[in-house]
Amino acid sequence: MVPAFRYHLLTLVAIFLALGIGMVIGSTYVQGAIVERLTRRLDELNARFTTEIAPLREENRRKSDFITALVPVILQNRLTGANVAIVQTGDYPETTFKVRETLTQAGATINSTTLIHRDFQDRLSDNLLNMLPKLRAAHPNLTADRSSVIRLLATMLAKGAPASDLKAFAEAGLLEYEGDFTRANNFVVLVCGASEENENRAEQVDKPLIQSLKPMEITVVAVEPEKVGISYIAALQESGITTIDNADTDMGRIALALALRGERGDYGTKRTARSGLLPPPSSR
């Protein structure tokens, strides 16, 4: 009985040992096959990158360098004689800088640059009563409502303003400004777009300002960076002005220079660009 038990015990041990060895050998074989397949796949991807992706990347780099070099050639003297007011209503000062650089390269005269405070509406409500006596010194018929102040701001941008008006707006914390407000402008460029959620400045500030500027026979163009937190463009298109949704890029800079004296349209690279990348060549 004991020998038989030992025999069966040894048999079971041998069976489990054989199973263990088989599993190890099988696992080693499977892992080896997987490693071999992955290695082959990596070699194929590396070869494809070398023969396809890398040349495309280099071609894109050359095209980008070409466009960058072409921008000043296209811009040169295109806006000579244009008097422009730049107004930043959004949260992207770097785009304002790009717009200013673009217009200067194109030969335009930047008479003024104005930064509208992000809390314009709240500050206007808080300071309206204090502002009115200061503003009525030069505008005795100014009514006591916010819309009249926005219309006055539009007049300042389009036709110039006395120093007392600028001082009243600045002291109320509504805006910051630099430049010459004694000269009239024939173009206003709004640099818009918000970086935070729950923003409605397009409805509260930009659209009322545009509606006040349009009767003054001045061309208004709204621009924003290509990558923007909250776009204003779709809302402002309802106002019937030209829009550019990628003004911080080389293509957007060219579009801006062409659009100021060109056909009204919506240009850029996003869904809001209903008129394509650039205004037509005849806009020069």
C-alpha atoms as a PDB file:
ATOM      1  CA  MET A   1       0.000   0.000   0.000  1.00  0.00           C
ATOM      2  CA  VAL A   2       2.780   2.356   0.942  1.00  0.00           C
ATOM      3  CA  PRO A   3       4.809   1.682  -2.244  1.00  0.00           C
ATOM      4  CA  ALA A   4       1.708   2.234  -4.349  1.00  0.00           C
ATOM      5  CA  PHE A   5       1.047   5.526  -2.587  1.00  0.00           C
ATOM      6  CA  ARG A   6       4.617   6.600  -3.146  1.00  0.00           C
ATOM      7  CA  TYR A   7       4.293   5.634  -6.799  1.00  0.00           C
ATOM      8  CA  HIS A   8       1.175   7.695  -7.268  1.00  0.00           C
ATOM      9  CA  LEU A   9       2.737  10.606  -5.383  1.00  0.00           C
ATOM     10  CA  LEU A  10       5.793  10.518  -7.597  1.00  0.00           C
ATOM     11  CA  THR A  11       3.557  10.321 -10.649  1.00  0.00           C
ATOM     12  CA  LEU A  12       1.604  13.394  -9.595  1.00  0.00           C
ATOM     13  CA  VAL A  13       4.800  15.289  -8.883  1.00  0.00           C
ATOM     14  CA  ALA A  14       6.136  14.309 -12.302  1.00  0.00           C
ATOM     15  CA  ILE A  15       2.919  15.417 -13.974  1.00  0.00           C
ATOM     16  CA  PHE A  16       2.913  18.823 -12.268  1.00  0.00           C
ATOM     17  CA  LEU A  17       6.593  19.233 -12.939  1.00  0.00           C
ATOM     18  CA  ALA A  18       6.020  18.458 -16.594  1.00  0.00           C
ATOM     19  CA  LEU A  19       3.153  20.936 -16.710  1.00  0.00           C
ATOM     20  CA  GLY A  20       5.310  23.601 -15.092  1.00  0.00           C
ATOM     21  CA  ILE A  21       8.157  22.996 -17.489  1.00  0.00           C
ATOM     22  CA  GLY A  22       5.731  23.058 -20.396  1.00  0.00           C
ATOM     23  CA  MET A  23       4.227  26.337 -19.250  1.00  0.00           C
ATOM     24  CA  VAL A  24       7.643  27.905 -18.881  1.00  0.00           C
ATOM     25  CA  ILE A  25       8.760  26.651 -22.281  1.00  0.00           C
ATOM     26  CA  GLY A  26       5.464  27.741 -23.878  1.00  0.00           C
ATOM     27  CA  SER A  27       5.568  31.121 -22.232  1.00  0.00           C
ATOM     28  CA  THR A  28       9.128  31.639 -23.318  1.00  0.00           C
ATOM     29  CA  TYR A  29       8.201  30.686 -26.873  1.00  0.00           C
ATOM     30  CA  VAL A  30       5.127  32.968 -26.924  1.00  0.00           C
ATOM     31  CA  GLN A  31       7.009  35.880 -25.388  1.00  0.00           C
ATOM     32  CA  GLY A  32       9.786  35.377 -27.863  1.00  0.00           C
ATOM     33  CA  ALA A  33       7.292  35.456 -30.724  1.00  0.00           C
ATOM     34  CA  ILE A  34       5.677  38.613 -29.373  1.00  0.00           C
ATOM     35  CA  VAL A  35       9.015  40.319 -28.944  1.00  0.00           C
ATOM     36  CA  GLU A  36      10.038  39.306 -32.420  1.00  0.00           C
ATOM     37  CA  ARG A  37       6.775  40.617 -33.887  1.00  0.00           C
ATOM     38  CA  LEU A  38       7.024  43.916 -31.995  1.00  0.00           C
ATOM     39  CA  THR A  39      10.623  44.351 -33.057  1.00  0.00           C
ATOM     40  CA  ARG A  40       9.669  43.775 -36.664  1.00  0.00           C
ATOM     41  CA  ARG A  41       6.815  46.259 -36.369  1.00  0.00           C
ATOM     42  CA  LEU A  42       9.112  48.898 -34.845  1.00  0.00           C
ATOM     43  CA  ASP A  43      11.585  48.379 -37.662  1.00  0.00           C
ATOM     44  CA  GLU A  44       8.778  48.898 -40.186  1.00  0.00           C
ATOM     45  CA  LEU A  45       7.613  52.105 -38.430  1.00  0.00           C
ATOM     46  CA  ASN A  46      11.153  53.420 -38.260  1.00  0.00           C
ATOM     47  CA  ALA A  47      11.638  52.752 -41.965  1.00  0.00           C
ATOM     48  CA  ARG A  48       8.335  54.444 -42.765  1.00  0.00           C
ATOM     49  CA  PHE A  49       9.277  57.476 -40.648  1.00  0.00           C
ATOM     50  CA  THR A  50      12.601  57.735 -42.462  1.00  0.00           C
ATOM     51  CA  THR A  51      11.112  57.403 -45.951  1.00  0.00           C
ATOM     52  CA  GLU A  52       7.746  59.202 -45.498  1.00  0.00           C
ATOM     53  CA  ILE A  53       7.277  61.249 -42.321  1.00  0.00           C
ATOM     54  CA  ALA A  54      10.692  62.898 -42.064  1.00  0.00           C
ATOM     55  CA  PRO A  55      10.609  64.234 -45.667  1.00  0.00           C
ATOM     56  CA  LEU A  56       7.080  65.605 -45.119  1.00  0.00           C
ATOM     57  CA  ARG A  57       8.196  67.322 -41.924  1.00  0.00           C
ATOM     58  CA  GLU A  58      11.131  68.877 -43.736  1.00  0.00           C
ATOM     59  CA  GLU A  59       8.878  69.994 -46.596  1.00  0.00           C
ATOM     60  CA  ASN A  60       6.459  71.618 -44.123  1.00  0.00           C
ATOM     61  CA  ARG A  61       9.368  73.404 -42.449  1.00  0.00           C
ATOM     62  CA  ARG A  62      10.547  74.786 -45.786  1.00  0.00           C
ATOM     63  CA  LYS A  63       7.029  75.960 -46.659  1.00  0.00           C
ATOM     64  CA  SER A  64       6.676  77.621 -43.277  1.00  0.00           C
ATOM     65  CA  ASP A  65      10.012  79.385 -43.721  1.00  0.00           C
ATOM     66  CA  PHE A  66       8.937  80.496 -47.201  1.00  0.00           C
ATOM     67  CA  ILE A  67       5.663  81.987 -45.939  1.00  0.00           C
ATOM     68  CA  THR A  68       7.468  83.769 -43.109  1.00  0.00           C
ATOM     69  CA  ALA A  69       9.926  85.257 -45.593  1.00  0.00           C
ATOM     70  CA  LEU A  70       7.082  86.207 -47.957  1.00  0.00           C
ATOM     71  CA  VAL A  71       5.027  88.120 -45.359  1.00  0.00           C
ATOM     72  CA  PRO A  72       7.046  91.383 -45.390  1.00  0.00           C
ATOM     73  CA  VAL A  73       7.149  91.296 -49.199  1.00  0.00           C
ATOM     74  CA  ILE A  74       3.350  91.097 -49.389  1.00  0.00           C
ATOM     75  CA  LEU A  75       2.835  93.654 -46.632  1.00  0.00           C
ATOM     76  CA  GLN A  76       5.193  96.284 -48.009  1.00  0.00           C
ATOM     77  CA  ASN A  77       3.353  99.596 -48.632  1.00  0.00           C
ATOM     78  CA  ARG A  78      -0.016  97.864 -48.842  1.00  0.00           C
ATOM     79  CA  LEU A  79      -1.603 100.147 -46.243  1.00  0.00           C
ATOM     80  CA  THR A  80       0.268 103.361 -46.894  1.00  0.00           C
ATOM     81  CA  GLY A  81      -1.944 106.302 -45.947  1.00  0.00           C
ATOM     82  CA  ALA A  82      -4.201 104.249 -43.678  1.00  0.00           C
ATOM     83  CA  ASN A  83      -4.881 105.684 -40.218  1.00  0.00           C
ATOM     84  CA  VAL A  84      -5.694 102.949 -37.739  1.00  0.00           C
ATOM     85  CA  ALA A  85      -6.903 102.649 -34.168  1.00  0.00           C
ATOM     86  CA  ILE A  86      -6.195  99.295 -32.504  1.00  0.00           C
ATOM     87  CA  VAL A  87      -8.571  98.299 -29.706  1.00  0.00           C
ATOM     88  CA  GLN A  88      -7.939  95.252 -27.531  1.00  0.00           C
ATOM     89  CA  THR A  89     -11.245  94.047 -26.136  1.00  0.00           C
ATOM     90  CA  GLY A  90     -10.065  90.508 -25.374  1.00  0.00           C
ATOM     91  CA  ASP A  91      -7.374  88.749 -23.382  1.00  0.00           C
ATOM     92  CA  TYR A  92      -4.547  88.349 -25.904  1.00  0.00           C
ATOM     93  CA  PRO A  93      -1.994  91.190 -25.794  1.00  0.00           C
ATOM     94  CA  GLU A  94       0.458  89.130 -27.852  1.00  0.00           C
ATOM     95  CA  THR A  95      -2.039  89.187 -30.718  1.00  0.00           C
ATOM     96  CA  THR A  96      -2.378  92.951 -30.308  1.00  0.00           C
ATOM     97  CA  PHE A  97       1.402  93.171 -30.685  1.00  0.00           C
ATOM     98  CA  LYS A  98       1.245  91.035 -33.845  1.00  0.00           C
ATOM     99  CA  VAL A  99      -1.507  93.227 -35.297  1.00  0.00           C
ATOM    100  CA  ARG A 100       0.465  96.370 -34.570  1.00  0.00           C
ATOM    101  CA  GLU A 101       3.592  94.861 -36.127  1.00  0.00           C
ATOM    102  CA  THR A 102       1.633  93.774 -39.213  1.00  0.00           C
ATOM    103  CA  LEU A 103       0.022  97.152 -39.809  1.00  0.00           C
ATOM    104  CA  THR A 104       3.289  99.003 -39.270  1.00  0.00           C
ATOM    105  CA  GLN A 105       5.094  96.754 -41.763  1.00  0.00           C
ATOM    106  CA  ALA A 106       2.283  97.415 -44.243  1.00  0.00           C
ATOM    107  CA  GLY A 107       2.858 101.172 -43.982  1.00  0.00           C
ATOM    108  CA  ALA A 108      -0.211 102.097 -41.915  1.00  0.00           C
ATOM    109  CA  THR A 109      -0.120 104.828 -39.298  1.00  0.00           C
ATOM    110  CA  ILE A 110      -1.167 103.512 -35.889  1.00  0.00           C
ATOM    111  CA  ASN A 111      -2.641 106.601 -34.270  1.00  0.00           C
ATOM    112  CA  SER A 112      -3.754 104.924 -31.071  1.00  0.00           C
ATOM    113  CA  THR A 113      -3.823 101.652 -29.164  1.00  0.00           C
ATOM    114  CA  THR A 114      -6.544 101.189 -26.559  1.00  0.00           C
ATOM    115  CA  LEU A 115      -6.998  98.415 -23.997  1.00  0.00           C
ATOM    116  CA  ILE A 116     -10.600  97.955 -22.862  1.00  0.00           C
ATOM    117  CA  HIS A 117     -10.679  96.632 -19.310  1.00  0.00           C
ATOM    118  CA  ARG A 118     -12.175  93.153 -18.987  1.00  0.00           C
ATOM    119  CA  ASP A 119     -14.638  94.482 -16.353  1.00  0.00           C
ATOM    120  CA  PHE A 120     -15.692  97.396 -18.563  1.00  0.00           C
ATOM    121  CA  GLN A 121     -19.423  96.962 -18.050  1.00  0.00           C
ATOM    122  CA  ASP A 122     -19.246  96.625 -14.266  1.00  0.00           C
ATOM    123  CA  ARG A 123     -16.871  99.555 -13.933  1.00  0.00           C
ATOM    124  CA  LEU A 124     -19.029 101.663 -16.223  1.00  0.00           C
ATOM    125  CA  SER A 125     -22.078 100.963 -14.065  1.00  0.00           C
ATOM    126  CA  ASP A 126     -20.173 101.826 -10.905  1.00  0.00           C
ATOM    127  CA  ASN A 127     -18.626 105.036 -12.260  1.00  0.00           C
ATOM    128  CA  LEU A 128     -21.251 106.370 -14.661  1.00  0.00           C
ATOM    129  CA  LEU A 129     -22.599 109.076 -12.370  1.00  0.00           C
ATOM    130  CA  ASN A 130     -19.096 110.299 -11.544  1.00  0.00           C
ATOM    131  CA  MET A 131     -18.071 110.325 -15.203  1.00  0.00           C
ATOM    132  CA  LEU A 132     -21.005 112.257 -16.596  1.00  0.00           C
ATOM    133  CA  PRO A 133     -20.084 115.726 -15.238  1.00  0.00           C
ATOM    134  CA  LYS A 134     -16.545 115.343 -16.615  1.00  0.00           C
ATOM    135  CA  LEU A 135     -17.757 114.203 -20.031  1.00  0.00           C
ATOM    136  CA  ARG A 136     -20.512 116.803 -20.276  1.00  0.00           C
ATOM    137  CA  ALA A 137     -17.909 119.542 -20.122  1.00  0.00           C
ATOM    138  CA  ALA A 138     -17.209 118.754 -23.776  1.00  0.00           C
ATOM    139  CA  HIS A 139     -20.524 117.009 -24.554  1.00  0.00           C
ATOM    140  CA  PRO A 140     -23.339 118.891 -22.792  1.00  0.00           C
ATOM    141  CA  ASN A 141     -26.075 116.800 -24.435  1.00  0.00           C
ATOM    142  CA  LEU A 142     -24.664 113.439 -23.292  1.00  0.00           C
ATOM    143  CA  THR A 143     -27.470 111.308 -21.853  1.00  0.00           C
ATOM    144  CA  ALA A 144     -27.105 109.428 -18.570  1.00  0.00           C
ATOM    145  CA  ASP A 145     -26.962 105.894 -19.896  1.00  0.00           C
ATOM    146  CA  ARG A 146     -24.251 103.367 -20.734  1.00  0.00           C
ATOM    147  CA  SER A 147     -25.047 103.233 -24.452  1.00  0.00           C
ATOM    148  CA  SER A 148     -24.273 106.932 -24.799  1.00  0.00           C
ATOM    149  CA  VAL A 149     -20.856 106.371 -23.201  1.00  0.00           C
ATOM    150  CA  ILE A 150     -20.106 103.555 -25.630  1.00  0.00           C
ATOM    151  CA  ARG A 151     -21.136 105.802 -28.532  1.00  0.00           C
ATOM    152  CA  LEU A 152     -18.777 108.438 -27.190  1.00  0.00           C
ATOM    153  CA  LEU A 153     -15.998 105.842 -27.030  1.00  0.00           C
ATOM    154  CA  ALA A 154     -16.669 104.974 -30.675  1.00  0.00           C
ATOM    155  CA  THR A 155     -16.424 108.660 -31.578  1.00  0.00           C
ATOM    156  CA  MET A 156     -13.114 108.909 -29.715  1.00  0.00           C
ATOM    157  CA  LEU A 157     -11.703 106.003 -31.711  1.00  0.00           C
ATOM    158  CA  ALA A 158     -12.991 107.168 -35.085  1.00  0.00           C
ATOM    159  CA  LYS A 159     -12.684 110.937 -34.925  1.00  0.00           C
ATOM    160  CA  GLY A 160     -10.428 111.673 -31.981  1.00  0.00           C
ATOM    161  CA  ALA A 161     -11.174 113.037 -28.535  1.00  0.00           C
ATOM    162  CA  PRO A 162     -10.265 115.885 -26.208  1.00  0.00           C
ATOM    163  CA  ALA A 163      -7.886 115.087 -23.374  1.00  0.00           C
ATOM    164  CA  SER A 164     -10.715 115.495 -20.853  1.00  0.00           C
ATOM    165  CA  ASP A 165     -12.618 112.561 -22.376  1.00  0.00           C
ATOM    166  CA  LEU A 166      -9.598 110.274 -22.251  1.00  0.00           C
ATOM    167  CA  LYS A 167      -8.894 111.286 -18.673  1.00  0.00           C
ATOM    168  CA  ALA A 168     -12.483 110.565 -17.594  1.00  0.00           C
ATOM    169  CA  PHE A 169     -12.409 107.077 -19.131  1.00  0.00           C
ATOM    170  CA  ALA A 170      -8.991 106.312 -17.660  1.00  0.00           C
ATOM    171  CA  GLU A 171      -9.842 107.568 -14.162  1.00  0.00           C
ATOM    172  CA  ALA A 172     -12.919 105.319 -14.162  1.00  0.00           C
ATOM    173  CA  GLY A 173     -10.642 102.371 -14.918  1.00  0.00           C
ATOM    174  CA  LEU A 174     -12.467 101.622 -18.169  1.00  0.00           C
ATOM    175  CA  LEU A 175      -9.441 101.648 -20.433  1.00  0.00           C
ATOM    176  CA  GLU A 176      -5.738 102.237 -20.906  1.00  0.00           C
ATOM    177  CA  TYR A 177      -4.448 104.016 -23.976  1.00  0.00           C
ATOM    178  CA  GLU A 178      -1.455 105.355 -25.822  1.00  0.00           C
ATOM    179  CA  GLY A 179      -1.023 107.352 -28.981  1.00  0.00           C
ATOM    180  CA  ASP A 180      -2.512 110.399 -30.650  1.00  0.00           C
ATOM    181  CA  PHE A 181      -6.256 110.868 -30.173  1.00  0.00           C
ATOM    182  CA  THR A 182      -6.323 114.217 -31.913  1.00  0.00           C
ATOM    183  CA  ARG A 183      -6.323 112.571 -35.352  1.00  0.00           C
ATOM    184  CA  ALA A 184      -9.209 110.813 -37.092  1.00  0.00           C
ATOM    185  CA  ASN A 185      -8.956 107.200 -38.238  1.00  0.00           C
ATOM    186  CA  ASN A 186     -10.452 105.356 -41.171  1.00  0.00           C
ATOM    187  CA  PHE A 187      -9.865 101.867 -39.748  1.00  0.00           C
ATOM    188  CA  VAL A 188     -10.493 100.290 -36.345  1.00  0.00           C
ATOM    189  CA  VAL A 189      -9.098  96.829 -35.607  1.00  0.00           C
ATOM    190  CA  LEU A 190     -10.675  95.033 -32.647  1.00  0.00           C
ATOM    191  CA  VAL A 191      -8.439  92.369 -31.096  1.00  0.00           C
ATOM    192  CA  CYS A 192     -10.891  90.091 -29.349  1.00  0.00           C
ATOM    193  CA  GLY A 193     -11.297  86.629 -27.836  1.00  0.00           C
ATOM    194  CA  ALA A 194     -11.548  85.614 -24.166  1.00  0.00           C
ATOM    195  CA  SER A 195      -9.431  83.212 -22.148  1.00  0.00           C
ATOM    196  CA  GLU A 196     -12.024  82.369 -19.484  1.00  0.00           C
ATOM    197  CA  GLU A 197     -15.370  80.612 -19.432  1.00  0.00           C
ATOM    198  CA  ASN A 198     -18.701  82.370 -18.992  1.00  0.00           C
ATOM    199  CA  GLU A 199     -17.580  85.453 -20.868  1.00  0.00           C
ATOM    200  CA  ASN A 200     -20.116  87.648 -22.656  1.00  0.00           C
ATOM    201  CA  ARG A 201     -17.983  90.682 -23.480  1.00  0.00           C
ATOM    202  CA  ALA A 202     -18.679  90.208 -27.187  1.00  0.00           C
ATOM    203  CA  GLU A 203     -22.332  91.010 -26.530  1.00  0.00           C
ATOM    204  CA  GLN A 204     -21.732  93.675 -23.895  1.00  0.00           C
ATOM    205  CA  VAL A 205     -18.812  95.604 -25.377  1.00  0.00           C
ATOM    206  CA  ASP A 206     -17.736  94.580 -28.871  1.00  0.00           C
ATOM    207  CA  LYS A 207     -21.093  94.464 -30.621  1.00  0.00           C
ATOM    208  CA  PRO A 208     -22.375  97.780 -29.185  1.00  0.00           C
ATOM    209  CA  LEU A 209     -19.052  99.402 -30.071  1.00  0.00           C
ATOM    210  CA  ILE A 210     -19.220  98.064 -33.628  1.00  0.00           C
ATOM    211  CA  GLN A 211     -22.788  99.261 -34.062  1.00  0.00           C
ATOM    212  CA  SER A 212     -21.727 102.739 -32.912  1.00  0.00           C
ATOM    213  CA  LEU A 213     -18.730 102.793 -35.288  1.00  0.00           C
ATOM    214  CA  LYS A 214     -20.513 101.662 -38.449  1.00  0.00           C
ATOM    215  CA  PRO A 215     -22.534 104.876 -39.063  1.00  0.00           C
ATOM    216  CA  MET A 216     -19.271 106.844 -38.913  1.00  0.00           C
ATOM    217  CA  GLU A 217     -18.154 105.419 -42.268  1.00  0.00           C
ATOM    218  CA  ILE A 218     -15.179 103.668 -40.749  1.00  0.00           C
ATOM    219  CA  THR A 219     -13.970 100.162 -41.611  1.00  0.00           C
ATOM    220  CA  VAL A 220     -14.055  97.812 -38.621  1.00  0.00           C
ATOM    221  CA  VAL A 221     -12.200  94.494 -38.618  1.00  0.00           C
ATOM    222  CA  ALA A 222     -12.357  92.023 -35.726  1.00  0.00           C
ATOM    223  CA  VAL A 223      -9.481  89.606 -35.221  1.00  0.00           C
ATOM    224  CA  GLU A 224      -8.441  86.970 -32.703  1.00  0.00           C
ATOM    225  CA  PRO A 225      -5.622  84.418 -32.300  1.00  0.00           C
ATOM    226  CA  GLU A 226      -5.864  81.030 -33.936  1.00  0.00           C
ATOM    227  CA  LYS A 227      -5.936  79.268 -30.567  1.00  0.00           C
ATOM    228  CA  VAL A 228      -8.440  81.084 -28.393  1.00  0.00           C
ATOM    229  CA  GLY A 229     -10.268  80.077 -25.232  1.00  0.00           C
ATOM    230  CA  ILE A 230     -13.608  81.635 -26.172  1.00  0.00           C
ATOM    231  CA  SER A 231     -14.036  82.954 -29.701  1.00  0.00           C
ATOM    232  CA  TYR A 232     -15.929  86.184 -30.366  1.00  0.00           C
ATOM    233  CA  ILE A 233     -15.913  85.778 -34.143  1.00  0.00           C
ATOM    234  CA  ALA A 234     -19.220  83.962 -34.624  1.00  0.00           C
ATOM    235  CA  ALA A 235     -21.042  86.540 -32.483  1.00  0.00           C
ATOM    236  CA  LEU A 236     -19.432  89.498 -34.262  1.00  0.00           C
ATOM    237  CA  GLN A 237     -20.121  88.157 -37.758  1.00  0.00           C
ATOM    238  CA  GLU A 238     -23.749  89.129 -37.191  1.00  0.00           C
ATOM    239  CA  SER A 239     -22.601  92.770 -37.263  1.00  0.00           C
ATOM    240  CA  GLY A 240     -21.560  92.502 -40.911  1.00  0.00           C
ATOM    241  CA  ILE A 241     -17.878  93.334 -40.423  1.00  0.00           C
ATOM    242  CA  THR A 242     -14.745  91.586 -41.683  1.00  0.00           C
ATOM    243  CA  THR A 243     -13.320  88.970 -39.304  1.00  0.00           C
ATOM    244  CA  ILE A 244     -10.013  87.107 -39.179  1.00  0.00           C
ATOM    245  CA  ASP A 245      -9.762  84.151 -36.812  1.00  0.00           C
ATOM    246  CA  ASN A 246      -5.987  83.556 -36.962  1.00  0.00           C
ATOM    247  CA  ALA A 247      -4.412  87.018 -36.830  1.00  0.00           C
ATOM    248  CA  ASP A 248      -1.390  85.829 -34.848  1.00  0.00           C
ATOM    249  CA  THR A 249      -0.195  83.563 -37.687  1.00  0.00           C
ATOM    250  CA  ASP A 250       1.613  84.491 -40.903  1.00  0.00           C
ATOM    251  CA  MET A 251      -1.497  83.648 -42.949  1.00  0.00           C
ATOM    252  CA  GLY A 252      -3.657  85.744 -40.650  1.00  0.00           C
ATOM    253  CA  ARG A 253      -1.285  88.701 -40.859  1.00  0.00           C
ATOM    254  CA  ILE A 254      -1.457  88.616 -44.653  1.00  0.00           C
ATOM    255  CA  ALA A 255      -5.249  88.330 -44.482  1.00  0.00           C
ATOM    256  CA  LEU A 256      -5.427  91.384 -42.223  1.00  0.00           C
ATOM    257  CA  ALA A 257      -3.349  93.541 -44.574  1.00  0.00           C
ATOM    258  CA  LEU A 258      -5.426  92.448 -47.567  1.00  0.00           C
ATOM    259  CA  ALA A 259      -8.764  92.770 -45.798  1.00  0.00           C
ATOM    260  CA  LEU A 260      -8.492  96.326 -44.532  1.00  0.00           C
ATOM    261  CA  ARG A 261      -8.867  97.690 -48.042  1.00  0.00           C
ATOM    262  CA  GLY A 262     -10.475  94.630 -49.558  1.00  0.00           C
ATOM    263  CA  GLU A 263     -13.790  92.849 -49.741  1.00  0.00           C
ATOM    264  CA  ARG A 264     -15.750  92.223 -46.588  1.00  0.00           C
ATOM    265  CA  GLY A 265     -15.485  88.612 -45.514  1.00  0.00           C
ATOM    266  CA  ASP A 266     -14.670  86.105 -42.801  1.00  0.00           C
ATOM    267  CA  TYR A 267     -11.141  84.782 -43.230  1.00  0.00           C
ATOM    268  CA  GLY A 268      -8.890  82.330 -41.419  1.00  0.00           C
ATOM    269  CA  THR A 269      -8.518  78.632 -40.735  1.00  0.00           C
ATOM    270  CA  LYS A 270     -11.366  77.768 -38.355  1.00  0.00           C
ATOM    271  CA  ARG A 271     -15.030  77.017 -38.962  1.00  0.00           C
ATOM    272  CA  THR A 272     -15.755  80.726 -38.721  1.00  0.00           C
ATOM    273  CA  ALA A 273     -13.690  81.360 -41.878  1.00  0.00           C
ATOM    274  CA  ARG A 274     -16.656  81.328 -44.236  1.00  0.00           C
ATOM    275  CA  SER A 275     -14.761  83.243 -46.956  1.00  0.00           C
ATOM    276  CA  GLY A 276     -11.629  81.108 -47.013  1.00  0.00           C
ATOM    277  CA  LEU A 277      -8.005  81.685 -46.065  1.00  0.00           C
ATOM    278  CA  LEU A 278      -7.423  85.088 -47.693  1.00  0.00           C
ATOM    279  CA  PRO A 279      -9.291  87.928 -49.373  1.00  0.00           C
ATOM    280  CA  PRO A 280      -9.106  87.827 -53.184  1.00  0.00           C
ATOM    281  CA  PRO A 281      -5.997  89.297 -54.878  1.00  0.00           C
ATOM    282  CA  SER A 282      -8.008  92.186 -56.317  1.00  0.00           C
ATOM    283  CA  SER A 283      -8.182  93.702 -52.852  1.00  0.00           C
ATOM    284  CA  ARG A 284      -4.839  95.457 -53.311  1.00  0.00           C
END
